[in-house]
């Protein structure tokens, strides 16, 4: 098997059915040095216990996934969402402090889709900006960067009204770069004709909070949420996108985040090892110093 790249981070979504203890164990056993955690497995054991488990693992912490979902109009549901996002910020800060040196306090935000009965994408995006405005002071105080993640436009109505890296950067521009940035995820942005210019802009503005990779191939499954693949198994120009991100000076961990029913059904240690091999073959050659 190819050597494990020291910048690879396993996003826990790739091994969705592994509990926190298993996710930490197989990541270490496979020789990966970093992990991105999801809120639900952390909350299952409690934040303090999760932080202790992360410290004991010796792994770096790359991101906390995910929060957001605040496109609804003002009312109790929006207030509940904002309150939950404030909790997520505290979780990210605690876990980053518990991780090995080089950990980053990054909270990934998925904006949310159109409210029931609405066709107003522009208005929904403005509510995303307003929500981040409410969260930014708490994130700054906690030392957490909010990473706005644009999702592929096929998810625009039900999951995320922010569809391009450019849109994410336009929202982030209202805030300090160390408080609000963007998640650059190859699956979601590879199709965009402006993607290279947007990556360069993100670099100039200091907004790349995290870089995530996986691959795309067709036909898509019936549930398009579960259409991601191992790096190198699809058609995304991972070398080109990775080179563009590297050219900005981004030098932190790179997550692999895969939603795929067949991969989720596979033994998690095998998944992490297969992920590391795909990363070494398709991403590592484009990294600085390789």
Protein backbone atom coordinates (compact mmCIF):
# COMPACT_ATOMS: atom_id res chain seq x y z
CA UNK A 1 0.00 0.00 0.00
CA UNK A 2 1.15 3.56 -0.68
CA UNK A 3 2.55 5.53 2.25
CA UNK A 4 -0.02 7.51 4.21
CA UNK A 5 0.23 11.22 3.48
CA UNK A 6 0.73 13.19 6.72
CA UNK A 7 -1.75 15.85 5.55
CA UNK A 8 -4.62 13.41 5.03
CA UNK A 9 -7.54 13.77 7.42
CA UNK A 10 -10.44 11.33 7.54
CA UNK A 11 -13.76 13.12 7.81
CA UNK A 12 -15.93 10.96 10.04
CA UNK A 13 -18.71 11.13 7.46
CA UNK A 14 -16.65 8.73 5.34
CA UNK A 15 -17.14 6.02 7.99
CA UNK A 16 -20.60 7.14 9.02
CA UNK A 17 -21.62 4.04 10.94
CA UNK A 18 -18.48 3.91 13.08
CA UNK A 19 -18.97 5.29 16.57
CA UNK A 20 -16.42 7.76 17.88
CA UNK A 21 -14.20 5.16 19.54
CA UNK A 22 -14.11 3.05 16.39
CA UNK A 23 -13.49 6.05 14.15
CA UNK A 24 -10.54 7.16 16.24
CA UNK A 25 -9.13 3.64 16.47
CA UNK A 26 -9.23 2.79 12.77
CA UNK A 27 -7.85 6.17 11.79
CA UNK A 28 -4.84 5.63 14.03
CA UNK A 29 -4.47 1.98 12.98
CA UNK A 30 -4.38 2.99 9.31
CA UNK A 31 -1.59 5.46 9.99
CA UNK A 32 -3.65 8.60 9.36
CA UNK A 33 -2.72 11.53 11.60
CA UNK A 34 -5.87 13.68 11.54
CA UNK A 35 -9.63 13.37 11.78
CA UNK A 36 -12.65 15.61 11.22
CA UNK A 37 -15.51 14.82 13.59
CA UNK A 38 -19.28 14.98 13.26
CA UNK A 39 -21.50 16.43 15.95
CA UNK A 40 -23.80 13.44 16.43
CA UNK A 41 -21.11 10.88 17.42
CA UNK A 42 -19.52 13.49 19.68
CA UNK A 43 -22.84 14.21 21.38
CA UNK A 44 -23.50 10.48 21.84
CA UNK A 45 -20.60 10.25 24.29
CA UNK A 46 -20.70 13.84 25.54
CA UNK A 47 -18.33 16.64 24.65
CA UNK A 48 -15.96 16.22 27.59
CA UNK A 49 -15.61 12.49 26.97
CA UNK A 50 -15.15 13.03 23.23
CA UNK A 51 -12.42 15.59 23.88
CA UNK A 52 -10.62 13.18 26.22
CA UNK A 53 -10.89 10.37 23.66
CA UNK A 54 -9.49 12.64 20.96
CA UNK A 55 -6.56 13.64 23.17
CA UNK A 56 -5.82 10.00 23.98
CA UNK A 57 -5.85 9.10 20.28
CA UNK A 58 -3.02 11.51 19.48
CA UNK A 59 -4.84 12.66 16.33
CA UNK A 60 -5.09 16.19 15.06
CA UNK A 61 -8.58 17.68 14.73
CA UNK A 62 -9.28 19.24 11.33
CA UNK A 63 -12.97 20.27 11.33
CA UNK A 64 -16.25 19.91 13.17
CA UNK A 65 -19.19 18.94 10.96
CA UNK A 66 -21.69 20.34 10.68
CA UNK A 67 -23.88 23.23 11.61
CA UNK A 68 -25.82 25.90 9.75
CA UNK A 69 -29.36 25.30 8.43
CA UNK A 70 -30.60 28.79 9.13
CA UNK A 71 -32.43 29.91 5.98
CA UNK A 72 -35.87 29.98 7.59
CA UNK A 73 -37.58 33.31 8.33
CA UNK A 74 -37.43 34.82 11.80
CA UNK A 75 -39.32 32.82 14.40
CA UNK A 76 -38.85 30.02 16.93
CA UNK A 77 -37.25 27.62 14.44
CA UNK A 78 -34.63 30.18 13.43
CA UNK A 79 -33.92 31.06 17.06
CA UNK A 80 -33.46 27.36 17.86
CA UNK A 81 -31.08 27.01 14.92
CA UNK A 82 -29.00 30.00 15.98
CA UNK A 83 -28.79 28.66 19.53
CA UNK A 84 -27.67 25.26 18.27
CA UNK A 85 -25.01 26.89 16.11
CA UNK A 86 -23.66 28.68 19.17
CA UNK A 87 -23.34 25.30 20.89
CA UNK A 88 -21.54 23.91 17.82
CA UNK A 89 -19.01 26.73 17.98
CA UNK A 90 -18.18 25.81 21.56
CA UNK A 91 -17.87 22.14 20.56
CA UNK A 92 -15.41 23.02 17.80
CA UNK A 93 -13.28 25.10 20.15
CA UNK A 94 -13.17 22.36 22.78
CA UNK A 95 -12.25 19.63 20.29
CA UNK A 96 -9.58 21.72 18.60
CA UNK A 97 -7.99 22.32 22.00
CA UNK A 98 -8.08 18.57 22.68
CA UNK A 99 -6.45 17.54 19.41
CA UNK A 100 -2.77 17.11 18.76
CA UNK A 101 -0.62 20.12 17.75
CA UNK A 102 -1.68 21.43 14.36
CA UNK A 103 -5.40 21.03 15.10
CA UNK A 104 -7.67 23.68 13.65
CA UNK A 105 -10.88 25.11 15.15
CA UNK A 106 -13.07 25.06 12.05
CA UNK A 107 -16.85 24.64 12.09
CA UNK A 108 -18.36 23.69 8.72
CA UNK A 109 -21.63 25.45 7.91
CA UNK A 110 -24.20 24.09 5.45
CA UNK A 111 -26.59 26.96 4.85
CA UNK A 112 -29.87 25.09 4.43
CA UNK A 113 -32.34 24.98 1.56
CA UNK A 114 -35.39 26.98 0.57
CA UNK A 115 -37.99 27.36 3.31
CA UNK A 116 -41.27 25.54 2.74
CA UNK A 117 -43.24 27.20 -0.07
CA UNK A 118 -40.49 29.67 -0.99
CA UNK A 119 -38.84 30.30 -4.36
CA UNK A 120 -36.65 33.12 -3.10
CA UNK A 121 -33.06 31.89 -3.29
CA UNK A 122 -31.67 35.41 -3.03
CA UNK A 123 -33.62 36.14 0.13
CA UNK A 124 -32.56 32.83 1.65
CA UNK A 125 -28.90 33.67 1.00
CA UNK A 126 -29.37 37.01 2.74
CA UNK A 127 -30.72 35.21 5.78
CA UNK A 128 -27.53 33.10 5.73
CA UNK A 129 -25.49 36.31 5.84
CA UNK A 130 -27.65 37.63 8.70
CA UNK A 131 -27.29 34.39 10.68
CA UNK A 132 -23.52 34.41 10.32
CA UNK A 133 -23.57 38.00 11.50
CA UNK A 134 -25.21 36.79 14.72
CA UNK A 135 -22.71 33.94 15.13
CA UNK A 136 -19.50 35.75 14.22
CA UNK A 137 -18.89 37.51 17.57
CA UNK A 138 -19.18 34.23 19.48
CA UNK A 139 -16.95 32.45 16.95
CA UNK A 140 -14.33 35.19 17.26
CA UNK A 141 -14.36 34.99 21.04
CA UNK A 142 -14.02 31.20 20.89
CA UNK A 143 -11.22 31.29 18.30
CA UNK A 144 -13.32 29.33 15.79
CA UNK A 145 -13.46 29.87 12.03
CA UNK A 146 -16.90 29.42 10.44
CA UNK A 147 -16.43 27.67 7.09
CA UNK A 148 -19.28 28.34 4.66
CA UNK A 149 -19.56 25.26 2.44
CA UNK A 150 -21.05 25.76 -1.01
CA UNK A 151 -22.88 22.65 -2.19
CA UNK A 152 -23.43 21.48 -5.75
CA UNK A 153 -26.49 23.25 -7.21
CA UNK A 154 -28.49 20.00 -7.30
CA UNK A 155 -28.83 20.55 -3.53
CA UNK A 156 -29.82 24.23 -3.77
CA UNK A 157 -33.47 23.83 -2.87
CA UNK A 158 -33.38 21.19 -0.15
CA UNK A 159 -29.97 21.49 1.48
CA UNK A 160 -27.87 24.54 0.63
CA UNK A 161 -28.76 27.78 -1.15
CA UNK A 162 -25.05 28.63 -1.46
CA UNK A 163 -23.95 26.86 -4.64
CA UNK A 164 -20.60 28.33 -5.66
CA UNK A 165 -17.38 29.21 -3.94
CA UNK A 166 -17.86 32.75 -5.22
CA UNK A 167 -21.21 33.04 -3.42
CA UNK A 168 -19.63 31.76 -0.21
CA UNK A 169 -16.83 34.30 -0.50
CA UNK A 170 -19.29 37.12 -1.14
CA UNK A 171 -21.04 36.29 2.14
CA UNK A 172 -17.76 35.85 4.02
CA UNK A 173 -16.46 39.21 2.77
CA UNK A 174 -18.52 41.03 5.40
CA UNK A 175 -16.49 39.43 8.20
CA UNK A 176 -12.89 39.04 9.35
CA UNK A 177 -11.10 36.27 7.46
CA UNK A 178 -10.07 34.49 10.66
CA UNK A 179 -13.72 34.32 11.72
CA UNK A 180 -15.55 33.45 8.48
CA UNK A 181 -14.03 31.52 5.60
CA UNK A 182 -15.08 28.87 3.10
CA UNK A 183 -14.87 25.11 2.75
CA UNK A 184 -13.40 24.15 -0.61
CA UNK A 185 -14.87 20.73 -1.44
CA UNK A 186 -13.97 19.25 -4.83
CA UNK A 187 -17.24 17.33 -5.16
CA UNK A 188 -19.30 20.49 -4.90
CA UNK A 189 -17.28 22.98 -6.94
CA UNK A 190 -15.36 21.10 -9.64
CA UNK A 191 -18.02 21.84 -12.27
CA UNK A 192 -17.91 25.63 -11.83
CA UNK A 193 -16.31 27.46 -14.80
CA UNK A 194 -15.04 30.07 -12.34
CA UNK A 195 -13.62 27.58 -9.86
CA UNK A 196 -9.93 28.34 -10.39
CA UNK A 197 -10.48 32.08 -10.17
CA UNK A 198 -12.58 31.57 -7.04
CA UNK A 199 -9.89 29.44 -5.40
CA UNK A 200 -7.31 32.11 -6.18
CA UNK A 201 -9.62 34.76 -4.72
CA UNK A 202 -10.18 32.67 -1.60
CA UNK A 203 -6.43 32.45 -1.18
CA UNK A 204 -5.89 36.18 -1.64
CA UNK A 205 -8.58 36.91 0.93
CA UNK A 206 -7.29 34.29 3.39
CA UNK A 207 -10.62 32.49 3.33
CA UNK A 208 -9.75 28.79 2.75
CA UNK A 209 -10.76 27.35 6.10
CA UNK A 210 -10.63 23.73 4.95
CA UNK A 211 -9.96 21.76 1.78
CA UNK A 212 -11.98 18.57 1.27
CA UNK A 213 -11.62 16.03 -1.52
CA UNK A 214 -13.57 13.15 -2.96
CA UNK A 215 -14.63 12.18 -6.47
CA UNK A 216 -17.63 12.30 -8.80
CA UNK A 217 -18.83 9.83 -11.38
CA UNK A 218 -22.08 9.08 -13.13
CA UNK A 219 -24.67 7.66 -13.14
CA UNK A 220 -25.70 9.13 -9.82
CA UNK A 221 -27.62 6.92 -7.37
CA UNK A 222 -31.29 7.55 -6.64
CA UNK A 223 -30.25 9.38 -3.47
CA UNK A 224 -27.85 11.95 -4.90
CA UNK A 225 -26.58 12.80 -1.43
CA UNK A 226 -24.79 9.44 -1.48
CA UNK A 227 -22.97 9.95 -4.78
CA UNK A 228 -19.40 10.57 -3.61
CA UNK A 229 -16.46 8.29 -4.38
CA UNK A 230 -12.90 7.60 -3.29
CA UNK A 231 -10.34 10.10 -4.63
CA UNK A 232 -9.19 8.95 -8.04
CA UNK A 233 -12.25 6.80 -8.77
CA UNK A 234 -14.11 9.45 -10.78
CA UNK A 235 -13.71 12.35 -13.19
CA UNK A 236 -12.73 15.32 -10.99
CA UNK A 237 -9.38 16.91 -11.85
CA UNK A 238 -8.06 16.51 -8.31
CA UNK A 239 -4.52 17.33 -9.43
CA UNK A 240 -5.59 20.64 -10.95
CA UNK A 241 -7.79 21.69 -8.05
CA UNK A 242 -5.23 20.62 -5.45
CA UNK A 243 -2.48 22.53 -7.26
CA UNK A 244 -4.70 25.61 -7.29
CA UNK A 245 -5.36 25.33 -3.55
CA UNK A 246 -1.66 24.73 -2.83
CA UNK A 247 -0.76 27.80 -4.88
CA UNK A 248 -2.69 29.94 -2.38
CA UNK A 249 -0.36 28.83 0.40
CA UNK A 250 -2.86 26.51 2.07
CA UNK A 251 -0.71 24.06 4.03
CA UNK A 252 -3.06 22.43 6.54
CA UNK A 253 -4.84 19.09 6.64
CA UNK A 254 -6.90 17.93 3.67
CA UNK A 255 -10.03 15.97 4.49
CA UNK A 256 -11.61 13.16 2.54
CA UNK A 257 -15.38 13.23 3.04
CA UNK A 258 -17.38 10.53 1.23
CA UNK A 259 -21.11 9.83 1.42
CA UNK A 260 -21.68 6.49 -0.31
CA UNK A 261 -23.91 3.62 0.86
CA UNK A 262 -21.55 0.90 -0.36
CA UNK A 263 -18.56 2.53 1.33
CA UNK A 264 -20.52 3.02 4.55
CA UNK A 265 -21.34 -0.72 4.49
CA UNK A 266 -17.64 -1.64 4.26
CA UNK A 267 -15.42 -2.36 7.28
CA UNK A 268 -14.27 1.09 8.46
CA UNK A 269 -10.59 0.15 8.71
CA UNK A 270 -10.67 -1.03 5.11
CA UNK A 271 -12.37 2.23 4.11
CA UNK A 272 -9.71 4.36 5.79
CA UNK A 273 -6.91 2.33 4.21
CA UNK A 274 -8.56 2.54 0.78
CA UNK A 275 -9.04 6.27 1.24
CA UNK A 276 -5.39 6.73 2.14
CA UNK A 277 -4.30 4.82 -0.95
CA UNK A 278 -6.55 6.86 -3.25
CA UNK A 279 -5.34 10.08 -1.66
CA UNK A 280 -1.70 9.10 -2.09
CA UNK A 281 -2.23 8.33 -5.77
CA UNK A 282 -4.46 11.24 -6.79
CA UNK A 283 -3.85 14.12 -4.37
CA UNK A 284 -0.41 13.76 -2.79
CA UNK A 285 1.57 14.25 -6.05
CA UNK A 286 0.15 17.78 -6.32
CA UNK A 287 1.07 18.84 -2.80
CA UNK A 288 3.95 21.22 -2.12
CA UNK A 289 7.23 19.45 -1.46
CA UNK A 290 6.19 16.22 -3.16
